[in-house]
């Protein structure tokens, strides 16, 4: 029988969810089957959610690229109806810089069943992979030791 929880002790895990480790939009927030539509929706979401107006974003992109980017271009990139105005990789990079919406990187990686993580987690992942490999080697060593013992 489980002992009742102490009502005076806080539960550290109530209402807490671990932070997202990977960079990207929330699952299901960029719906659609057609890739060009999904890209337009992702661009539109980044533009909408960044907190800057399109004129500011266009100006920052123009400065970074050294070529003019207009608000009309941003509107076209964000429009599913303008399928002949797809954003280039160079402009997408400038858009990410201008908006700060690295979720666009996660959106692209997700198309390949990959994830984008902040660099600070790289060592943690490598350590986990090393630990997994270590367990595999230890398991193989135990298996061989058992075979050797059974052969004697």
C-alpha atoms as a PDB file:
ATOM      1  CA  UNK A   1       0.000   0.000   0.000  1.00  0.00           C
ATOM      2  CA  UNK A   2       1.334   3.400  -0.976  1.00  0.00           C
ATOM      3  CA  UNK A   3       1.843   5.959   1.751  1.00  0.00           C
ATOM      4  CA  UNK A   4      -0.131   9.194   1.182  1.00  0.00           C
ATOM      5  CA  UNK A   5       1.922  12.134   0.004  1.00  0.00           C
ATOM      6  CA  UNK A   6       2.923  14.746   2.574  1.00  0.00           C
ATOM      7  CA  UNK A   7       0.667  17.757   1.827  1.00  0.00           C
ATOM      8  CA  UNK A   8       3.366  20.162   3.102  1.00  0.00           C
ATOM      9  CA  UNK A   9       6.078  19.013   0.698  1.00  0.00           C
ATOM     10  CA  UNK A  10       6.081  20.434  -2.809  1.00  0.00           C
ATOM     11  CA  UNK A  11       6.319  18.095  -5.759  1.00  0.00           C
ATOM     12  CA  UNK A  12       9.202  19.231  -7.973  1.00  0.00           C
ATOM     13  CA  UNK A  13       7.649  17.686 -11.052  1.00  0.00           C
ATOM     14  CA  UNK A  14       4.080  18.985 -10.819  1.00  0.00           C
ATOM     15  CA  UNK A  15       3.458  21.422 -13.625  1.00  0.00           C
ATOM     16  CA  UNK A  16       7.022  21.049 -14.901  1.00  0.00           C
ATOM     17  CA  UNK A  17       7.872  19.848 -18.362  1.00  0.00           C
ATOM     18  CA  UNK A  18      11.440  19.532 -19.538  1.00  0.00           C
ATOM     19  CA  UNK A  19      12.577  22.235 -21.922  1.00  0.00           C
ATOM     20  CA  UNK A  20      12.764  21.431 -25.607  1.00  0.00           C
ATOM     21  CA  UNK A  21      16.258  20.410 -26.549  1.00  0.00           C
ATOM     22  CA  UNK A  22      15.924  20.714 -30.310  1.00  0.00           C
ATOM     23  CA  UNK A  23      15.240  23.862 -32.291  1.00  0.00           C
ATOM     24  CA  UNK A  24      12.050  23.911 -34.354  1.00  0.00           C
ATOM     25  CA  UNK A  25       8.417  24.825 -34.554  1.00  0.00           C
ATOM     26  CA  UNK A  26       5.923  23.012 -32.373  1.00  0.00           C
ATOM     27  CA  UNK A  27       4.844  19.716 -33.935  1.00  0.00           C
ATOM     28  CA  UNK A  28       1.876  20.197 -36.258  1.00  0.00           C
ATOM     29  CA  UNK A  29       2.216  23.995 -36.410  1.00  0.00           C
ATOM     30  CA  UNK A  30       3.242  23.943 -40.097  1.00  0.00           C
ATOM     31  CA  UNK A  31       0.592  21.698 -41.684  1.00  0.00           C
ATOM     32  CA  UNK A  32       0.265  20.716 -45.310  1.00  0.00           C
ATOM     33  CA  UNK A  33       1.391  18.088 -47.767  1.00  0.00           C
ATOM     34  CA  UNK A  34       2.937  20.272 -50.458  1.00  0.00           C
ATOM     35  CA  UNK A  35       6.508  21.245 -49.577  1.00  0.00           C
ATOM     36  CA  UNK A  36       6.317  24.709 -51.147  1.00  0.00           C
ATOM     37  CA  UNK A  37       3.180  25.460 -49.095  1.00  0.00           C
ATOM     38  CA  UNK A  38       4.850  24.295 -45.904  1.00  0.00           C
ATOM     39  CA  UNK A  39       7.910  26.444 -46.608  1.00  0.00           C
ATOM     40  CA  UNK A  40       5.678  29.479 -47.205  1.00  0.00           C
ATOM     41  CA  UNK A  41       3.810  28.764 -43.969  1.00  0.00           C
ATOM     42  CA  UNK A  42       7.085  28.414 -42.046  1.00  0.00           C
ATOM     43  CA  UNK A  43       8.342  31.733 -43.436  1.00  0.00           C
ATOM     44  CA  UNK A  44       5.007  33.382 -42.612  1.00  0.00           C
ATOM     45  CA  UNK A  45       5.093  32.013 -39.061  1.00  0.00           C
ATOM     46  CA  UNK A  46       8.654  33.236 -38.537  1.00  0.00           C
ATOM     47  CA  UNK A  47       7.704  36.687 -39.822  1.00  0.00           C
ATOM     48  CA  UNK A  48       4.577  36.794 -37.667  1.00  0.00           C
ATOM     49  CA  UNK A  49       6.164  35.486 -34.468  1.00  0.00           C
ATOM     50  CA  UNK A  50       9.438  37.417 -34.422  1.00  0.00           C
ATOM     51  CA  UNK A  51       8.001  40.661 -33.065  1.00  0.00           C
ATOM     52  CA  UNK A  52       9.445  42.844 -35.820  1.00  0.00           C
ATOM     53  CA  UNK A  53       7.629  44.511 -38.676  1.00  0.00           C
ATOM     54  CA  UNK A  54       8.367  43.380 -42.217  1.00  0.00           C
ATOM     55  CA  UNK A  55      10.030  46.670 -43.181  1.00  0.00           C
ATOM     56  CA  UNK A  56      12.599  46.203 -40.414  1.00  0.00           C
ATOM     57  CA  UNK A  57      13.198  42.587 -41.391  1.00  0.00           C
ATOM     58  CA  UNK A  58      13.561  43.514 -45.060  1.00  0.00           C
ATOM     59  CA  UNK A  59      16.044  46.239 -44.137  1.00  0.00           C
ATOM     60  CA  UNK A  60      18.134  43.879 -41.992  1.00  0.00           C
ATOM     61  CA  UNK A  61      18.109  41.233 -44.718  1.00  0.00           C
ATOM     62  CA  UNK A  62      19.135  43.821 -47.339  1.00  0.00           C
ATOM     63  CA  UNK A  63      22.011  44.944 -45.156  1.00  0.00           C
ATOM     64  CA  UNK A  64      23.229  41.382 -44.562  1.00  0.00           C
ATOM     65  CA  UNK A  65      22.903  40.333 -48.221  1.00  0.00           C
ATOM     66  CA  UNK A  66      24.120  43.546 -49.813  1.00  0.00           C
ATOM     67  CA  UNK A  67      21.144  43.431 -52.180  1.00  0.00           C
ATOM     68  CA  UNK A  68      17.699  44.946 -51.734  1.00  0.00           C
ATOM     69  CA  UNK A  69      14.965  42.890 -50.114  1.00  0.00           C
ATOM     70  CA  UNK A  70      11.525  44.498 -50.080  1.00  0.00           C
ATOM     71  CA  UNK A  71       8.483  43.860 -47.939  1.00  0.00           C
ATOM     72  CA  UNK A  72       6.743  42.735 -51.145  1.00  0.00           C
ATOM     73  CA  UNK A  73       9.382  40.007 -51.501  1.00  0.00           C
ATOM     74  CA  UNK A  74       8.770  38.894 -47.923  1.00  0.00           C
ATOM     75  CA  UNK A  75       5.034  38.861 -48.603  1.00  0.00           C
ATOM     76  CA  UNK A  76       5.638  36.689 -51.678  1.00  0.00           C
ATOM     77  CA  UNK A  77       7.883  34.246 -49.748  1.00  0.00           C
ATOM     78  CA  UNK A  78       5.178  33.932 -47.096  1.00  0.00           C
ATOM     79  CA  UNK A  79       2.353  33.445 -49.601  1.00  0.00           C
ATOM     80  CA  UNK A  80       1.296  29.956 -50.631  1.00  0.00           C
ATOM     81  CA  UNK A  81      -0.371  31.454 -53.712  1.00  0.00           C
ATOM     82  CA  UNK A  82       2.924  32.828 -55.068  1.00  0.00           C
ATOM     83  CA  UNK A  83       4.591  29.493 -55.801  1.00  0.00           C
ATOM     84  CA  UNK A  84       6.945  31.123 -58.320  1.00  0.00           C
ATOM     85  CA  UNK A  85       8.533  33.216 -55.543  1.00  0.00           C
ATOM     86  CA  UNK A  86      10.347  30.624 -53.423  1.00  0.00           C
ATOM     87  CA  UNK A  87      12.910  31.864 -50.937  1.00  0.00           C
ATOM     88  CA  UNK A  88      16.530  31.004 -51.735  1.00  0.00           C
ATOM     89  CA  UNK A  89      18.838  29.445 -49.166  1.00  0.00           C
ATOM     90  CA  UNK A  90      20.879  32.649 -49.005  1.00  0.00           C
ATOM     91  CA  UNK A  91      17.763  34.697 -48.267  1.00  0.00           C
ATOM     92  CA  UNK A  92      16.486  32.116 -45.798  1.00  0.00           C
ATOM     93  CA  UNK A  93      19.742  32.452 -43.848  1.00  0.00           C
ATOM     94  CA  UNK A  94      19.347  36.248 -43.872  1.00  0.00           C
ATOM     95  CA  UNK A  95      15.723  35.831 -42.749  1.00  0.00           C
ATOM     96  CA  UNK A  96      16.809  33.657 -39.817  1.00  0.00           C
ATOM     97  CA  UNK A  97      19.383  36.265 -38.814  1.00  0.00           C
ATOM     98  CA  UNK A  98      16.881  39.110 -39.121  1.00  0.00           C
ATOM     99  CA  UNK A  99      14.048  37.374 -37.268  1.00  0.00           C
ATOM    100  CA  UNK A 100      16.079  35.295 -34.828  1.00  0.00           C
ATOM    101  CA  UNK A 101      13.695  32.429 -35.649  1.00  0.00           C
ATOM    102  CA  UNK A 102      16.081  29.465 -35.656  1.00  0.00           C
ATOM    103  CA  UNK A 103      12.960  27.314 -35.707  1.00  0.00           C
ATOM    104  CA  UNK A 104      13.306  27.538 -39.500  1.00  0.00           C
ATOM    105  CA  UNK A 105      16.503  25.454 -39.226  1.00  0.00           C
ATOM    106  CA  UNK A 106      14.603  22.822 -37.261  1.00  0.00           C
ATOM    107  CA  UNK A 107      11.838  22.886 -39.852  1.00  0.00           C
ATOM    108  CA  UNK A 108      14.369  22.038 -42.580  1.00  0.00           C
ATOM    109  CA  UNK A 109      16.125  19.355 -40.517  1.00  0.00           C
ATOM    110  CA  UNK A 110      12.797  17.738 -39.639  1.00  0.00           C
ATOM    111  CA  UNK A 111      12.196  17.081 -43.348  1.00  0.00           C
ATOM    112  CA  UNK A 112      15.153  14.672 -43.146  1.00  0.00           C
ATOM    113  CA  UNK A 113      14.186  13.164 -39.777  1.00  0.00           C
ATOM    114  CA  UNK A 114      16.998  15.118 -38.112  1.00  0.00           C
ATOM    115  CA  UNK A 115      17.089  17.611 -35.267  1.00  0.00           C
ATOM    116  CA  UNK A 116      18.943  20.857 -34.721  1.00  0.00           C
ATOM    117  CA  UNK A 117      20.308  21.286 -31.228  1.00  0.00           C
ATOM    118  CA  UNK A 118      22.096  24.167 -29.551  1.00  0.00           C
ATOM    119  CA  UNK A 119      25.864  23.628 -29.600  1.00  0.00           C
ATOM    120  CA  UNK A 120      25.972  23.511 -25.779  1.00  0.00           C
ATOM    121  CA  UNK A 121      24.309  20.054 -25.905  1.00  0.00           C
ATOM    122  CA  UNK A 122      26.818  18.557 -28.337  1.00  0.00           C
ATOM    123  CA  UNK A 123      29.136  17.191 -25.604  1.00  0.00           C
ATOM    124  CA  UNK A 124      26.197  15.724 -23.683  1.00  0.00           C
ATOM    125  CA  UNK A 125      25.092  13.796 -26.772  1.00  0.00           C
ATOM    126  CA  UNK A 126      28.625  12.599 -27.520  1.00  0.00           C
ATOM    127  CA  UNK A 127      28.988  11.407 -23.927  1.00  0.00           C
ATOM    128  CA  UNK A 128      25.673   9.514 -24.173  1.00  0.00           C
ATOM    129  CA  UNK A 129      26.871   7.844 -27.392  1.00  0.00           C
ATOM    130  CA  UNK A 130      30.155   6.873 -25.707  1.00  0.00           C
ATOM    131  CA  UNK A 131      28.254   5.438 -22.731  1.00  0.00           C
ATOM    132  CA  UNK A 132      26.008   3.434 -25.094  1.00  0.00           C
ATOM    133  CA  UNK A 133      29.064   2.086 -26.917  1.00  0.00           C
ATOM    134  CA  UNK A 134      30.725   1.259 -23.596  1.00  0.00           C
ATOM    135  CA  UNK A 135      27.650  -0.780 -22.547  1.00  0.00           C
ATOM    136  CA  UNK A 136      27.742  -2.643 -25.875  1.00  0.00           C
ATOM    137  CA  UNK A 137      31.421  -3.487 -25.427  1.00  0.00           C
ATOM    138  CA  UNK A 138      30.881  -4.578 -21.826  1.00  0.00           C
ATOM    139  CA  UNK A 139      27.974  -6.771 -22.920  1.00  0.00           C
ATOM    140  CA  UNK A 140      30.097  -8.365 -25.644  1.00  0.00           C
ATOM    141  CA  UNK A 141      32.913  -8.949 -23.129  1.00  0.00           C
ATOM    142  CA  UNK A 142      30.487 -10.663 -20.705  1.00  0.00           C
ATOM    143  CA  UNK A 143      29.188 -12.833 -23.538  1.00  0.00           C
ATOM    144  CA  UNK A 144      32.709 -13.921 -24.527  1.00  0.00           C
ATOM    145  CA  UNK A 145      33.669 -14.567 -20.904  1.00  0.00           C
ATOM    146  CA  UNK A 146      30.599 -16.781 -20.493  1.00  0.00           C
ATOM    147  CA  UNK A 147      31.495 -18.728 -23.675  1.00  0.00           C
ATOM    148  CA  UNK A 148      35.044 -19.192 -22.411  1.00  0.00           C
ATOM    149  CA  UNK A 149      33.818 -20.465 -19.019  1.00  0.00           C
ATOM    150  CA  UNK A 150      31.357 -22.861 -20.638  1.00  0.00           C
ATOM    151  CA  UNK A 151      34.063 -24.278 -22.910  1.00  0.00           C
ATOM    152  CA  UNK A 152      36.327 -25.228 -19.978  1.00  0.00           C
END
